Structures are given as structure tokens and as C-alpha cells.
């Protein structure tokens, strides 16, 4: 089960350290408006998929709140069918869908969950609703 902050599920991007810091920064500056996850991990962790309108607490390595995002779209598709429009919205600088696939396949292999073309991917789109000073500059944590 994912950690909760004030009733919100947390969104811990990437792996702790430099990667998470970089991904959080991309969200906070508005460059990253999407993230991809492995469908199997939801079942393994006893979590339901996100839903449109749900708010998630963006956290750093210490599970400290750094922002709040609101889910604007959720789609499950195979790894081979993730569209370029979604990959580009991840904001990580990939120049093509092939580069996105190679980078994500390498990441998931590195963390011990290699993917194939048929692996189900959860594509989550979101918008930043609050950030700064612990992620609550607007005071808006409500769902």
C-alpha cells in the first residue's frame, strides 16, 4: 500500500536520489504532466488505479510533500502501444517514442521489473495544483 499524506495517496516518481529530484523538479516547473507505471505493481501493492479528479501528494525521498497534482487522465495500454503524445508529456527530454521506450525499458530492467511489448502500462496524466513550502503554498489539499 502506498503512503498517504492527509488522506492523499503519494506520488513518488522514479527512484530515490537524483532521479526523483529531477523528476519532481520537472513537475514543479510544469514540464512533466504525465507519468507511466507498471499495471502489475498496483495489484502487488494493493492499490487501485488513479482516477480523473483524484489528487496525489508529490513526495521527495523522505516522503515530504513537495506538491499536489490532480489526475486528468488514466489509460492502460501495452508498452508497445504507448503513444508519443503521452511519452512527450512525461517531459523527460526524449526525442522520439523509440528513445522513450528504450529509456523506460532500461529503467524498469534496472529496478528488477523488465518489460516486454505486451507489458501493461498505466499512463497517468496530471496537472500541478500546488507547490512550494512543502507543497501547500495554496493550502489546497482537498480532493
N, C-alpha and C. Protein backbone atom coordinates (compact mmCIF):
# COMPACT_ATOMS: atom_id res chain seq x y z
N UNK A 1 0.84 -1.18 0.00
CA UNK A 1 0.00 0.00 0.00
C UNK A 1 0.88 1.25 0.00
N UNK A 2 0.47 2.24 -0.77
CA UNK A 2 1.24 3.48 -0.85
C UNK A 2 1.02 4.32 0.39
N UNK A 3 2.01 5.10 0.73
CA UNK A 3 1.92 6.03 1.84
C UNK A 3 0.82 7.05 1.55
N UNK A 4 0.18 7.54 2.60
CA UNK A 4 -0.84 8.59 2.48
C UNK A 4 -0.36 9.83 3.24
N UNK A 5 -0.72 10.98 2.73
CA UNK A 5 -0.49 12.25 3.42
C UNK A 5 -1.81 12.98 3.42
N UNK A 6 -2.34 13.24 4.61
CA UNK A 6 -3.64 13.90 4.75
C UNK A 6 -4.71 13.24 3.87
N UNK A 7 -4.66 11.92 3.78
CA UNK A 7 -5.64 11.16 3.02
C UNK A 7 -5.34 11.02 1.55
N UNK A 8 -4.32 11.73 1.04
CA UNK A 8 -3.96 11.63 -0.38
C UNK A 8 -2.92 10.54 -0.58
N UNK A 9 -3.09 9.74 -1.64
CA UNK A 9 -2.05 8.79 -1.99
C UNK A 9 -0.82 9.57 -2.44
N UNK A 10 0.34 9.00 -2.19
CA UNK A 10 1.56 9.70 -2.60
C UNK A 10 1.97 9.30 -4.01
N UNK A 11 2.68 10.22 -4.64
CA UNK A 11 3.27 10.00 -5.95
C UNK A 11 4.77 10.18 -5.76
N UNK A 12 5.49 9.05 -5.72
CA UNK A 12 6.94 9.05 -5.56
C UNK A 12 7.54 8.67 -6.91
N UNK A 13 7.98 9.65 -7.65
CA UNK A 13 8.46 9.42 -9.02
C UNK A 13 9.86 8.81 -9.04
N UNK A 14 10.08 7.90 -9.96
CA UNK A 14 11.40 7.30 -10.14
C UNK A 14 11.91 6.61 -8.90
N UNK A 15 13.22 6.59 -8.77
CA UNK A 15 13.86 6.01 -7.60
C UNK A 15 14.46 7.14 -6.77
N UNK A 16 14.63 6.90 -5.46
CA UNK A 16 15.19 7.95 -4.60
C UNK A 16 16.55 8.45 -5.11
N UNK A 17 16.82 9.70 -4.82
CA UNK A 17 18.09 10.30 -5.21
C UNK A 17 17.92 11.29 -6.34
N UNK A 18 18.94 11.38 -7.15
CA UNK A 18 18.97 12.37 -8.22
C UNK A 18 17.80 12.23 -9.19
N UNK A 19 17.42 10.99 -9.53
CA UNK A 19 16.31 10.80 -10.47
C UNK A 19 15.02 11.40 -9.92
N UNK A 20 14.66 11.07 -8.69
CA UNK A 20 13.42 11.60 -8.12
C UNK A 20 13.48 13.12 -8.02
N UNK A 21 14.60 13.65 -7.61
CA UNK A 21 14.75 15.11 -7.51
C UNK A 21 14.53 15.76 -8.88
N UNK A 22 15.14 15.20 -9.91
CA UNK A 22 14.98 15.75 -11.26
C UNK A 22 13.53 15.65 -11.75
N UNK A 23 12.90 14.51 -11.52
CA UNK A 23 11.51 14.34 -11.97
C UNK A 23 10.58 15.29 -11.22
N UNK A 24 10.78 15.43 -9.91
CA UNK A 24 9.96 16.37 -9.14
C UNK A 24 10.13 17.80 -9.65
N UNK A 25 11.36 18.16 -9.96
CA UNK A 25 11.62 19.50 -10.49
C UNK A 25 10.87 19.71 -11.80
N UNK A 26 10.87 18.71 -12.67
CA UNK A 26 10.14 18.82 -13.93
C UNK A 26 8.64 19.03 -13.70
N UNK A 27 8.08 18.36 -12.69
CA UNK A 27 6.67 18.57 -12.36
C UNK A 27 6.46 20.00 -11.85
N UNK A 28 7.31 20.43 -10.94
CA UNK A 28 7.14 21.73 -10.30
C UNK A 28 7.30 22.90 -11.27
N UNK A 29 8.07 22.71 -12.34
CA UNK A 29 8.22 23.79 -13.33
C UNK A 29 7.22 23.65 -14.48
N UNK A 30 6.37 22.60 -14.43
CA UNK A 30 5.33 22.43 -15.43
C UNK A 30 5.74 21.67 -16.68
N UNK A 31 6.96 21.14 -16.73
CA UNK A 31 7.41 20.41 -17.91
C UNK A 31 6.93 18.96 -17.93
N UNK A 32 6.67 18.38 -16.78
CA UNK A 32 6.23 16.99 -16.67
C UNK A 32 4.77 16.97 -16.24
N UNK A 33 3.91 16.47 -17.12
CA UNK A 33 2.47 16.41 -16.83
C UNK A 33 1.93 15.00 -17.00
N UNK A 34 2.83 14.02 -16.94
CA UNK A 34 2.41 12.62 -17.09
C UNK A 34 3.47 11.71 -16.48
N UNK A 35 3.04 10.52 -16.12
CA UNK A 35 3.97 9.50 -15.64
C UNK A 35 3.43 8.12 -15.99
N UNK A 36 4.34 7.19 -16.17
CA UNK A 36 3.97 5.82 -16.54
C UNK A 36 4.34 4.86 -15.42
N UNK A 37 3.48 3.90 -15.18
CA UNK A 37 3.74 2.87 -14.18
C UNK A 37 3.38 1.50 -14.71
N UNK A 38 3.83 0.49 -14.01
CA UNK A 38 3.53 -0.88 -14.40
C UNK A 38 2.21 -1.31 -13.77
N UNK A 39 1.30 -1.79 -14.58
CA UNK A 39 -0.02 -2.20 -14.10
C UNK A 39 0.09 -3.27 -13.01
N UNK A 40 1.01 -4.21 -13.17
CA UNK A 40 1.16 -5.29 -12.19
C UNK A 40 1.52 -4.77 -10.79
N UNK A 41 2.22 -3.65 -10.72
CA UNK A 41 2.62 -3.11 -9.41
C UNK A 41 1.43 -2.64 -8.58
N UNK A 42 0.36 -2.22 -9.23
CA UNK A 42 -0.83 -1.80 -8.50
C UNK A 42 -1.40 -2.97 -7.71
N UNK A 43 -1.57 -4.11 -8.38
CA UNK A 43 -2.10 -5.31 -7.71
C UNK A 43 -1.15 -5.78 -6.62
N UNK A 44 0.14 -5.81 -6.93
CA UNK A 44 1.14 -6.25 -5.95
C UNK A 44 1.12 -5.39 -4.69
N UNK A 45 0.80 -4.11 -4.84
CA UNK A 45 0.81 -3.20 -3.70
C UNK A 45 -0.59 -2.92 -3.15
N UNK A 46 -1.59 -3.64 -3.68
CA UNK A 46 -2.95 -3.49 -3.18
C UNK A 46 -3.56 -2.13 -3.44
N UNK A 47 -3.23 -1.54 -4.59
CA UNK A 47 -3.72 -0.21 -4.94
C UNK A 47 -4.61 -0.27 -6.17
N UNK A 48 -5.62 0.60 -6.19
CA UNK A 48 -6.44 0.78 -7.37
C UNK A 48 -5.75 1.78 -8.29
N UNK A 49 -6.13 1.77 -9.56
CA UNK A 49 -5.61 2.78 -10.47
C UNK A 49 -6.09 4.17 -10.02
N UNK A 50 -5.31 5.16 -10.37
CA UNK A 50 -5.75 6.53 -10.12
C UNK A 50 -7.02 6.79 -10.93
N UNK A 51 -7.75 7.84 -10.57
CA UNK A 51 -8.95 8.21 -11.33
C UNK A 51 -8.94 9.71 -11.58
N UNK A 52 -9.60 10.12 -12.65
CA UNK A 52 -9.67 11.53 -13.00
C UNK A 52 -10.26 12.31 -11.83
N UNK A 53 -9.60 13.39 -11.48
CA UNK A 53 -10.02 14.24 -10.37
C UNK A 53 -9.33 13.92 -9.06
N UNK A 54 -8.71 12.74 -8.96
CA UNK A 54 -8.00 12.37 -7.74
C UNK A 54 -6.78 13.26 -7.58
N UNK A 55 -6.52 13.66 -6.35
CA UNK A 55 -5.31 14.42 -6.05
C UNK A 55 -4.30 13.51 -5.39
N UNK A 56 -3.03 13.72 -5.77
CA UNK A 56 -1.93 12.91 -5.27
C UNK A 56 -0.89 13.84 -4.65
N UNK A 57 -0.28 13.38 -3.57
CA UNK A 57 0.76 14.13 -2.90
C UNK A 57 2.10 13.77 -3.52
N UNK A 58 2.74 14.70 -4.19
CA UNK A 58 4.06 14.50 -4.77
C UNK A 58 5.08 14.59 -3.65
N UNK A 59 5.92 13.56 -3.51
CA UNK A 59 6.84 13.49 -2.37
C UNK A 59 8.29 13.35 -2.82
N UNK A 60 9.17 13.75 -1.89
CA UNK A 60 10.61 13.60 -2.13
C UNK A 60 11.09 12.31 -1.49
N UNK A 61 12.40 12.17 -1.36
CA UNK A 61 12.99 10.93 -0.83
C UNK A 61 12.62 10.64 0.61
N UNK A 62 12.26 11.67 1.37
CA UNK A 62 11.89 11.50 2.78
C UNK A 62 10.37 11.45 2.96
N UNK A 63 9.64 11.25 1.86
CA UNK A 63 8.17 11.27 1.87
C UNK A 63 7.63 12.60 2.38
N UNK A 64 8.38 13.67 2.13
CA UNK A 64 7.92 15.02 2.46
C UNK A 64 7.15 15.56 1.26
N UNK A 65 6.04 16.18 1.53
CA UNK A 65 5.19 16.75 0.49
C UNK A 65 5.91 17.89 -0.21
N UNK A 66 6.02 17.82 -1.53
CA UNK A 66 6.62 18.91 -2.30
C UNK A 66 5.63 19.52 -3.29
N UNK A 67 4.50 18.89 -3.47
CA UNK A 67 3.47 19.41 -4.36
C UNK A 67 2.25 18.52 -4.36
N UNK A 68 1.19 19.04 -4.95
CA UNK A 68 -0.04 18.26 -5.11
C UNK A 68 -0.42 18.33 -6.58
N UNK A 69 -0.70 17.16 -7.16
CA UNK A 69 -1.14 17.09 -8.55
C UNK A 69 -2.55 16.52 -8.58
N UNK A 70 -3.28 16.88 -9.63
CA UNK A 70 -4.61 16.34 -9.85
C UNK A 70 -4.60 15.52 -11.13
N UNK A 71 -5.11 14.32 -11.06
CA UNK A 71 -5.13 13.41 -12.21
C UNK A 71 -6.14 13.92 -13.22
N UNK A 72 -5.69 14.03 -14.48
CA UNK A 72 -6.55 14.50 -15.56
C UNK A 72 -6.86 13.41 -16.59
N UNK A 73 -6.16 12.28 -16.47
CA UNK A 73 -6.41 11.17 -17.39
C UNK A 73 -5.67 9.92 -16.97
N UNK A 74 -6.28 8.78 -17.21
CA UNK A 74 -5.66 7.48 -16.90
C UNK A 74 -6.00 6.53 -18.04
N UNK A 75 -4.99 5.87 -18.56
CA UNK A 75 -5.19 4.89 -19.63
C UNK A 75 -4.24 3.73 -19.41
N UNK A 76 -4.73 2.52 -19.65
CA UNK A 76 -3.88 1.33 -19.59
C UNK A 76 -3.68 0.85 -21.02
N UNK A 77 -2.41 0.66 -21.38
CA UNK A 77 -2.08 0.22 -22.73
C UNK A 77 -0.83 -0.65 -22.66
N UNK A 78 -0.56 -1.35 -23.73
CA UNK A 78 0.66 -2.16 -23.76
C UNK A 78 1.87 -1.24 -23.94
N UNK A 79 3.02 -1.70 -23.48
CA UNK A 79 4.25 -0.93 -23.61
C UNK A 79 4.49 -0.51 -25.07
N UNK A 80 4.24 -1.43 -25.99
CA UNK A 80 4.46 -1.15 -27.41
C UNK A 80 3.49 -0.12 -27.97
N UNK A 81 2.37 0.08 -27.29
CA UNK A 81 1.33 0.99 -27.81
C UNK A 81 1.27 2.34 -27.08
N UNK A 82 2.19 2.59 -26.16
CA UNK A 82 2.20 3.90 -25.50
C UNK A 82 2.41 4.96 -26.59
N UNK A 83 1.51 5.93 -26.70
CA UNK A 83 1.63 6.91 -27.78
C UNK A 83 2.70 7.98 -27.51
N UNK A 84 3.25 8.51 -28.58
CA UNK A 84 4.27 9.54 -28.49
C UNK A 84 3.74 10.77 -27.74
N UNK A 85 2.50 11.13 -27.96
CA UNK A 85 1.92 12.28 -27.27
C UNK A 85 2.03 12.12 -25.75
N UNK A 86 1.77 10.92 -25.25
CA UNK A 86 1.90 10.68 -23.82
C UNK A 86 3.37 10.73 -23.40
N UNK A 87 4.22 10.03 -24.13
CA UNK A 87 5.65 9.99 -23.79
C UNK A 87 6.23 11.39 -23.74
N UNK A 88 5.86 12.23 -24.69
CA UNK A 88 6.34 13.62 -24.71
C UNK A 88 5.85 14.37 -23.47
N UNK A 89 4.63 14.10 -23.01
CA UNK A 89 4.07 14.78 -21.83
C UNK A 89 4.82 14.40 -20.55
N UNK A 90 5.57 13.30 -20.58
CA UNK A 90 6.38 12.96 -19.41
C UNK A 90 7.49 13.97 -19.19
N UNK A 91 7.82 14.75 -20.22
CA UNK A 91 8.71 15.88 -20.06
C UNK A 91 10.15 15.56 -19.73
N UNK A 92 10.60 14.36 -20.07
CA UNK A 92 11.94 13.94 -19.68
C UNK A 92 12.97 14.12 -20.79
N UNK A 93 12.58 14.80 -21.88
CA UNK A 93 13.53 15.14 -22.92
C UNK A 93 13.72 14.10 -24.01
N UNK A 94 12.90 13.05 -24.02
CA UNK A 94 13.03 12.06 -25.08
C UNK A 94 12.68 12.70 -26.42
N UNK A 95 13.45 12.37 -27.45
CA UNK A 95 13.25 12.98 -28.77
C UNK A 95 12.40 12.13 -29.70
N UNK A 96 12.04 10.93 -29.26
CA UNK A 96 11.19 10.06 -30.08
C UNK A 96 10.58 8.99 -29.17
N UNK A 97 9.56 8.33 -29.68
CA UNK A 97 8.94 7.26 -28.91
C UNK A 97 9.93 6.10 -28.74
N UNK A 98 10.80 5.88 -29.72
CA UNK A 98 11.80 4.83 -29.57
C UNK A 98 12.76 5.13 -28.43
N UNK A 99 13.18 6.38 -28.30
CA UNK A 99 14.07 6.77 -27.19
C UNK A 99 13.33 6.61 -25.86
N UNK A 100 12.05 7.00 -25.83
CA UNK A 100 11.26 6.85 -24.60
C UNK A 100 11.19 5.38 -24.21
N UNK A 101 10.87 4.52 -25.18
CA UNK A 101 10.76 3.08 -24.89
C UNK A 101 12.08 2.51 -24.40
N UNK A 102 13.17 2.87 -25.06
CA UNK A 102 14.48 2.36 -24.65
C UNK A 102 14.83 2.82 -23.23
N UNK A 103 14.60 4.07 -22.94
CA UNK A 103 14.90 4.60 -21.60
C UNK A 103 14.06 3.97 -20.52
N UNK A 104 12.76 3.81 -20.79
CA UNK A 104 11.88 3.21 -19.79
C UNK A 104 12.14 1.71 -19.63
N UNK A 105 12.42 1.02 -20.71
CA UNK A 105 12.75 -0.41 -20.61
C UNK A 105 14.01 -0.58 -19.78
N UNK A 106 15.01 0.27 -20.01
CA UNK A 106 16.26 0.18 -19.24
C UNK A 106 16.00 0.48 -17.76
N UNK A 107 15.17 1.49 -17.48
CA UNK A 107 14.86 1.83 -16.09
C UNK A 107 14.19 0.66 -15.39
N UNK A 108 13.13 0.11 -16.00
CA UNK A 108 12.40 -0.98 -15.36
C UNK A 108 13.27 -2.22 -15.21
N UNK A 109 14.13 -2.48 -16.16
CA UNK A 109 15.06 -3.62 -16.03
C UNK A 109 16.02 -3.38 -14.87
N UNK A 110 16.50 -2.14 -14.75
CA UNK A 110 17.44 -1.79 -13.68
C UNK A 110 16.82 -1.96 -12.29
N UNK A 111 15.52 -1.70 -12.17
CA UNK A 111 14.86 -1.85 -10.86
C UNK A 111 14.27 -3.24 -10.67
N UNK A 112 14.56 -4.14 -11.61
CA UNK A 112 14.17 -5.54 -11.42
C UNK A 112 12.84 -5.96 -11.99
N UNK A 113 12.23 -5.13 -12.85
CA UNK A 113 10.96 -5.48 -13.46
C UNK A 113 11.01 -5.26 -14.97
N UNK A 114 11.75 -6.11 -15.68
CA UNK A 114 11.86 -5.93 -17.13
C UNK A 114 10.50 -5.97 -17.81
N UNK A 115 10.38 -5.23 -18.90
CA UNK A 115 9.13 -5.16 -19.64
C UNK A 115 9.29 -5.78 -21.02
N UNK A 116 8.16 -6.20 -21.59
CA UNK A 116 8.10 -6.65 -22.97
C UNK A 116 7.11 -5.74 -23.69
N UNK A 117 6.96 -5.92 -24.98
CA UNK A 117 5.99 -5.12 -25.74
C UNK A 117 4.58 -5.28 -25.21
N UNK A 118 4.28 -6.44 -24.59
CA UNK A 118 2.92 -6.71 -24.10
C UNK A 118 2.68 -6.30 -22.66
N UNK A 119 3.69 -5.84 -21.97
CA UNK A 119 3.52 -5.41 -20.57
C UNK A 119 2.51 -4.27 -20.50
N UNK A 120 1.56 -4.38 -19.57
CA UNK A 120 0.56 -3.33 -19.42
C UNK A 120 1.12 -2.15 -18.64
N UNK A 121 0.98 -0.96 -19.24
CA UNK A 121 1.48 0.28 -18.66
C UNK A 121 0.30 1.16 -18.30
N UNK A 122 0.37 1.76 -17.11
CA UNK A 122 -0.64 2.73 -16.69
C UNK A 122 -0.09 4.11 -17.02
N UNK A 123 -0.78 4.80 -17.90
CA UNK A 123 -0.39 6.14 -18.33
C UNK A 123 -1.25 7.15 -17.59
N UNK A 124 -0.63 7.90 -16.70
CA UNK A 124 -1.35 8.85 -15.86
C UNK A 124 -0.96 10.27 -16.27
N UNK A 125 -1.97 11.07 -16.57
CA UNK A 125 -1.75 12.49 -16.86
C UNK A 125 -2.22 13.29 -15.64
N UNK A 126 -1.56 14.41 -15.41
CA UNK A 126 -1.91 15.22 -14.24
C UNK A 126 -1.58 16.69 -14.47
N UNK A 127 -2.08 17.50 -13.57
CA UNK A 127 -1.72 18.92 -13.55
C UNK A 127 -1.32 19.29 -12.14
N UNK A 128 -0.38 20.19 -12.02
CA UNK A 128 0.08 20.66 -10.72
C UNK A 128 -0.96 21.61 -10.13
N UNK A 129 -1.38 21.34 -8.89
CA UNK A 129 -2.34 22.24 -8.23
C UNK A 129 -1.71 23.09 -7.15
N UNK A 130 -0.66 22.62 -6.52
CA UNK A 130 0.03 23.44 -5.52
C UNK A 130 1.46 22.97 -5.38
N UNK A 131 2.32 23.92 -5.00
CA UNK A 131 3.74 23.61 -4.86
C UNK A 131 4.38 24.66 -3.96
N UNK A 132 5.58 24.35 -3.50
CA UNK A 132 6.34 25.29 -2.70
C UNK A 132 6.10 25.10 -1.22
N UNK A 133 7.10 25.41 -0.41
CA UNK A 133 6.99 25.31 1.04
C UNK A 133 6.26 24.06 1.47
N UNK A 134 6.78 22.94 1.09
CA UNK A 134 6.15 21.68 1.47
C UNK A 134 5.00 21.30 0.58
N UNK A 135 4.81 22.03 -0.52
CA UNK A 135 3.79 21.67 -1.49
C UNK A 135 2.42 22.22 -1.19
N UNK A 136 2.30 23.08 -0.20
CA UNK A 136 0.96 23.55 0.16
C UNK A 136 0.86 25.06 0.12
N UNK A 137 1.52 25.68 -0.85
CA UNK A 137 1.50 27.14 -0.95
C UNK A 137 0.08 27.67 -1.08
N UNK A 138 -0.78 26.93 -1.76
CA UNK A 138 -2.16 27.38 -1.91
C UNK A 138 -3.04 26.85 -0.79
N UNK A 139 -2.51 25.96 0.02
CA UNK A 139 -3.31 25.38 1.09
C UNK A 139 -4.37 24.42 0.60
N UNK A 140 -4.28 24.01 -0.66
CA UNK A 140 -5.34 23.22 -1.27
C UNK A 140 -4.95 21.76 -1.37
N UNK A 141 -5.29 20.98 -0.34
CA UNK A 141 -5.03 19.55 -0.38
C UNK A 141 -6.32 18.76 -0.64
N UNK A 142 -7.44 19.43 -0.71
CA UNK A 142 -8.72 18.76 -0.81
C UNK A 142 -8.87 17.92 -2.04
N UNK A 143 -9.63 16.87 -1.91
CA UNK A 143 -9.94 16.03 -3.05
C UNK A 143 -11.29 16.45 -3.53
